[in-house]
Amino acid sequence: MIECLKRRLSGLLTLTLLLALTAASHAETRVTLLIDEAYPPFTYRSSEGQAAGIYVEILRAAEPLLRGYRLEIEPMPWLRAMTEIEAGRALAVVPPYYRPQQRPWIKPYSRPILQERVVVFCHREVFAEGPRPRWPRDYHGLRFGNNPGYLSADQPFWRAVRRGQIRIEDAPGNRANLQKLLHRRIDCYFNERLSVLAELAQMRRDGLYGTTNAGAIVEGPTISMENSHVGFSDRTGERFPFKQDFARQLDAALQRLHRSGEIERIVRRHTQ
C-alpha cells in the first residue's frame, strides 16, 4: 500500500515537473520597442495614451510570426528614445533611418520596413519671387524648423547649418513646427511628406489651418528617399540575451509581410 502510494506521488511529481517545463518552454519574452510619439501617421501617441500608427500596425502584424516573443510598444519623445538607445537601457527603437556615422550606437538595423520621402515645406512667401530649384544653395539665409534628433536632411544641408548659412530651430513634432511655419516664425520645415500632409489635414479638422491661411504652406523639393528600420542598441551588454534571435525572427517576419502585401495594405488604410 505504501509502495503504491509512493509510486503515485512520484508519478504526480513527474507530471507536475513536465507541465512546468512545458509551460516554461512556451513562455513568451516581453520585448519593449520605443517609438516616436509625435510622427503621425507613422508613429504617435493616441488620445488614450496608446501607441498608434502605420509602424505600430506593421509590428502588430509581425507579432504572431515571432516565436516566443510578445511586443510592448512604448511611445515617447524621439530625442528621449535616442537617449535610451544610446545608453543601452532600451533594446530597440522604431523607425530610425540608417545613420551609422551619426549614431554608431545603433546596430544592427532591421531589414527596411518602408521607404519614406523627405520633403521641404516652406511658407508661400519664400517662393514669392519664383522657385528655388538649387538645394540647399537657394535656401541660404532661411530659418528651418526641425524635430529634436531628426537627421533626415542631406549632408550639404548640414554643412550649410554648420557654416551659419542656414539656421535651425527645434520644436517637438510636426504640429509645433507647422504652426510656427504658418505664423512665419520659421521659413521652412522638412520631414516625411505623408507625415506632414497627415498633420496638415488634422490641423484643418481642428480648425487650425482654415480658409484664411489656406495655401500658406507650400511643398518644396524632395531632399532624400529614406528607408525606415527597427534600430537596435549596440550598448546593451548582457541586458537582452535574446537580442540576436529576436532580430533574426523580426527580419523574417517583415519579409513575409512584404511578400504577402500586408504592409502595403496597412499603408493604404492610413493614406487613402
Protein backbone atom coordinates (compact mmCIF):
# COMPACT_ATOMS: atom_id res chain seq x y z
CA MET A 1 0.00 0.00 0.00
CA ILE A 2 2.77 2.39 0.96
CA GLU A 3 4.77 1.47 -2.12
CA CYS A 4 1.73 2.08 -4.31
CA LEU A 5 1.22 5.49 -2.73
CA LYS A 6 4.88 6.33 -3.28
CA ARG A 7 4.60 5.39 -6.96
CA ARG A 8 1.51 7.55 -7.34
CA LEU A 9 3.20 10.52 -5.65
CA SER A 10 6.28 10.02 -7.79
CA GLY A 11 4.16 9.93 -10.92
CA LEU A 12 2.28 13.04 -9.85
CA LEU A 13 5.53 14.90 -9.17
CA THR A 14 6.90 13.83 -12.54
CA LEU A 15 3.74 15.03 -14.32
CA THR A 16 3.86 18.34 -12.44
CA LEU A 17 7.51 18.81 -13.42
CA LEU A 18 6.77 18.02 -17.06
CA LEU A 19 3.89 20.51 -17.11
CA ALA A 20 6.12 23.14 -15.54
CA LEU A 21 8.86 22.52 -18.09
CA THR A 22 6.34 22.64 -20.95
CA ALA A 23 4.93 25.93 -19.69
CA ALA A 24 8.43 27.36 -19.37
CA SER A 25 9.30 26.28 -22.91
CA HIS A 26 6.25 28.15 -24.18
CA ALA A 27 6.77 31.25 -22.04
CA GLU A 28 6.87 34.46 -24.04
CA THR A 29 9.60 37.04 -23.60
CA ARG A 30 8.23 40.57 -23.49
CA VAL A 31 10.17 42.85 -25.80
CA THR A 32 9.75 46.62 -25.48
CA LEU A 33 10.18 48.71 -28.63
CA LEU A 34 10.31 52.50 -28.39
CA ILE A 35 8.51 54.67 -30.95
CA ASP A 36 8.35 58.38 -31.72
CA GLU A 37 5.21 59.73 -30.02
CA ALA A 38 4.76 62.61 -32.50
CA TYR A 39 5.27 61.26 -36.02
CA PRO A 40 1.79 60.64 -37.46
CA PRO A 41 0.65 58.77 -39.46
CA PHE A 42 3.69 56.53 -38.91
CA THR A 43 4.01 56.53 -35.11
CA TYR A 44 2.25 58.56 -32.45
CA ARG A 45 0.62 58.52 -29.04
CA SER A 46 -3.17 58.27 -29.33
CA SER A 47 -5.57 60.38 -27.30
CA GLU A 48 -5.85 57.38 -24.95
CA GLY A 49 -2.08 57.36 -24.50
CA GLN A 50 -1.50 54.22 -26.57
CA ALA A 51 1.00 53.59 -29.35
CA ALA A 52 -0.61 54.00 -32.78
CA GLY A 53 0.25 54.48 -36.44
CA ILE A 54 1.44 52.64 -39.53
CA TYR A 55 4.57 51.17 -37.97
CA VAL A 56 2.68 50.07 -34.87
CA GLU A 57 0.18 48.17 -37.05
CA ILE A 58 3.04 46.58 -39.01
CA LEU A 59 4.69 45.44 -35.78
CA ARG A 60 1.38 44.04 -34.51
CA ALA A 61 1.01 42.13 -37.78
CA ALA A 62 4.55 40.76 -37.29
CA GLU A 63 3.97 39.73 -33.68
CA PRO A 64 2.15 36.40 -34.37
CA LEU A 65 5.10 35.39 -36.57
CA LEU A 66 7.59 35.77 -33.71
CA ARG A 67 8.05 32.53 -31.78
CA GLY A 68 8.39 33.12 -28.04
CA TYR A 69 8.07 36.90 -28.02
CA ARG A 70 5.36 39.40 -27.16
CA LEU A 71 5.75 43.04 -28.13
CA GLU A 72 5.24 46.06 -25.90
CA ILE A 73 5.37 49.31 -27.84
CA GLU A 74 6.12 52.45 -25.84
CA PRO A 75 5.65 55.95 -27.29
CA MET A 76 7.97 58.73 -26.12
CA PRO A 77 9.66 61.90 -27.46
CA TRP A 78 12.12 60.97 -30.20
CA LEU A 79 15.14 62.58 -28.53
CA ARG A 80 14.44 60.71 -25.30
CA ALA A 81 14.11 57.44 -27.23
CA MET A 82 17.51 58.08 -28.84
CA THR A 83 18.99 58.74 -25.39
CA GLU A 84 17.61 55.45 -24.06
CA ILE A 85 19.04 53.53 -27.01
CA GLU A 86 22.43 55.27 -26.82
CA ALA A 87 22.67 54.48 -23.10
CA GLY A 88 21.75 50.82 -23.71
CA ARG A 89 18.75 51.00 -21.38
CA ALA A 90 16.35 50.03 -24.19
CA LEU A 91 16.67 47.32 -26.81
CA ALA A 92 15.28 48.92 -29.97
CA VAL A 93 13.56 51.94 -31.48
CA VAL A 94 11.23 52.46 -34.46
CA PRO A 95 11.69 53.92 -37.11
CA PRO A 96 15.22 55.33 -37.43
CA TYR A 97 16.85 55.85 -40.79
CA TYR A 98 20.24 54.25 -41.47
CA ARG A 99 22.76 56.63 -39.86
CA PRO A 100 25.86 54.57 -38.91
CA GLN A 101 28.17 57.59 -38.61
CA GLN A 102 25.84 59.88 -36.67
CA ARG A 103 24.51 57.04 -34.50
CA PRO A 104 27.26 54.42 -34.15
CA TRP A 105 25.46 53.02 -31.09
CA ILE A 106 22.59 51.70 -33.27
CA LYS A 107 23.50 48.26 -34.61
CA PRO A 108 22.09 46.19 -36.17
CA TYR A 109 19.28 47.68 -38.21
CA SER A 110 16.37 45.51 -39.26
CA ARG A 111 15.59 44.95 -42.91
CA PRO A 112 13.85 48.04 -44.36
CA ILE A 113 10.21 48.48 -43.34
CA LEU A 114 9.19 51.31 -45.70
CA GLN A 115 10.79 53.86 -47.96
CA GLU A 116 9.93 57.40 -46.85
CA ARG A 117 10.23 60.58 -48.90
CA VAL A 118 11.62 63.58 -47.04
CA VAL A 119 10.34 66.89 -48.42
CA VAL A 120 10.86 70.58 -47.66
CA PHE A 121 7.73 72.62 -46.89
CA CYS A 122 8.02 76.40 -46.85
CA HIS A 123 5.83 79.43 -46.27
CA ARG A 124 4.48 80.67 -49.61
CA GLU A 125 6.35 83.95 -49.21
CA VAL A 126 9.61 82.02 -49.57
CA PHE A 127 8.64 81.38 -53.19
CA ALA A 128 7.11 84.83 -53.81
CA GLU A 129 9.86 85.76 -56.28
CA GLY A 130 9.92 82.39 -58.01
CA PRO A 131 11.01 78.79 -57.45
CA ARG A 132 14.20 77.85 -55.63
CA PRO A 133 15.45 74.84 -57.60
CA ARG A 134 19.02 74.63 -56.24
CA TRP A 135 19.10 72.72 -52.98
CA PRO A 136 20.26 73.82 -50.45
CA ARG A 137 22.03 76.82 -52.00
CA ASP A 138 18.80 78.70 -52.78
CA TYR A 139 17.72 78.31 -49.15
CA HIS A 140 20.70 80.03 -47.52
CA GLY A 141 19.66 82.70 -45.05
CA LEU A 142 16.41 80.96 -44.10
CA ARG A 143 15.25 79.55 -40.76
CA PHE A 144 14.35 75.86 -40.76
CA GLY A 145 12.24 74.06 -38.20
CA ASN A 146 13.29 70.58 -37.13
CA ASN A 147 12.22 67.86 -34.73
CA PRO A 148 14.82 67.24 -31.99
CA GLY A 149 17.17 64.46 -33.06
CA TYR A 150 15.80 64.31 -36.61
CA LEU A 151 18.70 63.90 -39.07
CA SER A 152 16.95 63.25 -42.37
CA ALA A 153 18.35 66.14 -44.43
CA ASP A 154 21.39 65.53 -46.64
CA GLN A 155 25.00 66.45 -45.89
CA PRO A 156 25.08 69.68 -47.99
CA PHE A 157 22.23 70.98 -45.81
CA TRP A 158 24.03 70.19 -42.56
CA ARG A 159 27.25 71.76 -43.88
CA ALA A 160 25.28 74.94 -44.55
CA VAL A 161 23.96 74.77 -40.98
CA ARG A 162 27.47 74.36 -39.52
CA ARG A 163 28.68 77.34 -41.59
CA GLY A 164 25.83 79.50 -40.35
CA GLN A 165 24.27 79.81 -43.81
CA ILE A 166 21.04 78.18 -42.60
CA ARG A 167 19.58 78.39 -39.10
CA ILE A 168 17.86 75.53 -37.31
CA GLU A 169 15.20 75.82 -34.59
CA ASP A 170 13.93 72.68 -32.87
CA ALA A 171 10.29 72.20 -31.91
CA PRO A 172 8.63 68.97 -30.71
CA GLY A 173 6.78 67.32 -33.58
CA ASN A 174 5.05 68.19 -36.83
CA ARG A 175 2.27 70.32 -35.38
CA ALA A 176 4.53 72.61 -33.40
CA ASN A 177 6.76 73.19 -36.43
CA LEU A 178 3.86 73.67 -38.85
CA GLN A 179 2.22 76.20 -36.52
CA LYS A 180 5.50 78.12 -36.41
CA LEU A 181 5.61 77.94 -40.20
CA LEU A 182 2.05 79.25 -40.52
CA HIS A 183 2.94 82.29 -38.40
CA ARG A 184 6.27 82.79 -40.24
CA ARG A 185 8.36 82.23 -37.13
CA ILE A 186 10.34 79.86 -39.36
CA ASP A 187 10.63 79.86 -43.16
CA CYS A 188 10.74 76.13 -43.95
CA TYR A 189 10.38 72.72 -42.36
CA PHE A 190 11.45 69.28 -43.61
CA ASN A 191 10.00 65.91 -42.73
CA GLU A 192 8.45 62.85 -44.33
CA ARG A 193 5.87 64.00 -46.86
CA LEU A 194 2.92 61.82 -45.80
CA SER A 195 3.58 62.67 -42.16
CA VAL A 196 3.36 66.40 -42.87
CA LEU A 197 0.30 66.10 -45.11
CA ALA A 198 -1.50 63.99 -42.50
CA GLU A 199 -0.79 66.60 -39.82
CA LEU A 200 -1.98 69.45 -42.05
CA ALA A 201 -5.22 67.54 -42.68
CA GLN A 202 -5.70 67.07 -38.94
CA MET A 203 -4.99 70.77 -38.34
CA ARG A 204 -7.76 71.61 -40.83
CA ARG A 205 -10.16 69.35 -38.95
CA ASP A 206 -9.14 71.02 -35.70
CA GLY A 207 -9.73 74.48 -37.17
CA LEU A 208 -6.06 75.47 -37.09
CA TYR A 209 -5.47 75.66 -40.84
CA GLY A 210 -8.61 77.20 -42.28
CA THR A 211 -9.57 79.38 -45.24
CA THR A 212 -7.69 82.45 -44.01
CA ASN A 213 -4.32 80.70 -44.28
CA ALA A 214 -5.12 78.06 -46.91
CA GLY A 215 -2.16 77.71 -49.24
CA ALA A 216 0.23 79.35 -46.77
CA ILE A 217 2.36 76.19 -46.63
CA VAL A 218 3.83 75.13 -49.97
CA GLU A 219 5.56 71.86 -50.82
CA GLY A 220 9.14 72.35 -51.98
CA PRO A 221 11.91 69.99 -53.11
CA THR A 222 12.35 66.35 -52.19
CA ILE A 223 15.68 66.12 -50.40
CA SER A 224 16.00 62.40 -49.76
CA MET A 225 14.42 58.98 -50.01
CA GLU A 226 14.97 57.10 -46.78
CA ASN A 227 14.40 53.52 -45.66
CA SER A 228 12.98 53.10 -42.16
CA HIS A 229 14.09 50.31 -39.82
CA VAL A 230 13.91 48.89 -36.35
CA GLY A 231 17.20 50.05 -34.84
CA PHE A 232 18.82 48.00 -32.06
CA SER A 233 21.08 49.42 -29.37
CA ASP A 234 24.69 48.24 -29.57
CA ARG A 235 25.32 49.15 -25.92
CA THR A 236 23.03 46.80 -24.03
CA GLY A 237 25.74 44.40 -22.86
CA GLU A 238 24.11 41.25 -21.46
CA ARG A 239 20.84 43.02 -20.67
CA PHE A 240 18.94 41.43 -23.58
CA PRO A 241 20.42 37.96 -24.24
CA PHE A 242 17.64 37.23 -26.77
CA LYS A 243 18.56 40.21 -28.98
CA GLN A 244 20.16 38.24 -31.83
CA ASP A 245 17.35 35.69 -32.05
CA PHE A 246 14.65 38.37 -31.85
CA ALA A 247 16.31 40.48 -34.57
CA ARG A 248 16.59 37.42 -36.83
CA GLN A 249 12.93 36.48 -36.33
CA LEU A 250 11.78 40.06 -36.84
CA ASP A 251 13.61 40.28 -40.17
CA ALA A 252 11.94 37.06 -41.32
CA ALA A 253 8.52 38.36 -40.22
CA LEU A 254 8.96 41.67 -42.04
CA GLN A 255 10.00 39.82 -45.18
CA ARG A 256 6.83 37.69 -45.02
CA LEU A 257 4.65 40.77 -44.53
CA HIS A 258 6.24 42.45 -47.55
CA ARG A 259 5.78 39.38 -49.76
CA SER A 260 2.15 38.93 -48.70
CA GLY A 261 1.29 42.57 -49.44
CA GLU A 262 0.15 43.17 -45.85
CA ILE A 263 2.49 46.13 -45.33
CA GLU A 264 1.16 47.79 -48.47
CA ARG A 265 -2.42 47.24 -47.27
CA ILE A 266 -1.65 48.82 -43.90
CA VAL A 267 -0.12 51.88 -45.57
CA ARG A 268 -3.15 52.29 -47.86
CA ARG A 269 -5.53 52.25 -44.90
CA HIS A 270 -3.75 55.28 -43.47
CA THR A 271 -3.07 57.26 -46.62
CA GLN A 272 -6.09 56.81 -48.90
